[in-house]
Amino acid sequence: MGLVWDPEANAVNDRPLPVPTGVKNLGFISQFVEIDDDVVFTVEYSVRAAQMAVYQRLGIERKIPLITQNSKSLKVQLDVVTKSFT
């Protein structure tokens, strides 16, 4: 059986940040955290959340890969419309 989930818009503060403000010994990972301008339920989202939590917790100075803005691509938008009518 596939994923059964009815996505709903989330409100601000529905999910915590990977490293919540003021917390010194805890970090959250996977789709359970809030990352601005990213799409949840992708591998990249989960990896990015883990990188953010680990890098910040351990003081690692490495850049986290940029978020790909596929939803703003005209080609992607046209493909979505085309496939929705086939």
Foldseek 3Di string as FASTA:
>chain_A
DDDDDDDDDDDPPPAAQQQHPPDQPHGDFAQRHDDPPADHPDPLRRVLSVCVNVCVNVVPPDDRDDHDNLVPDPVSVVVVVVVVVD
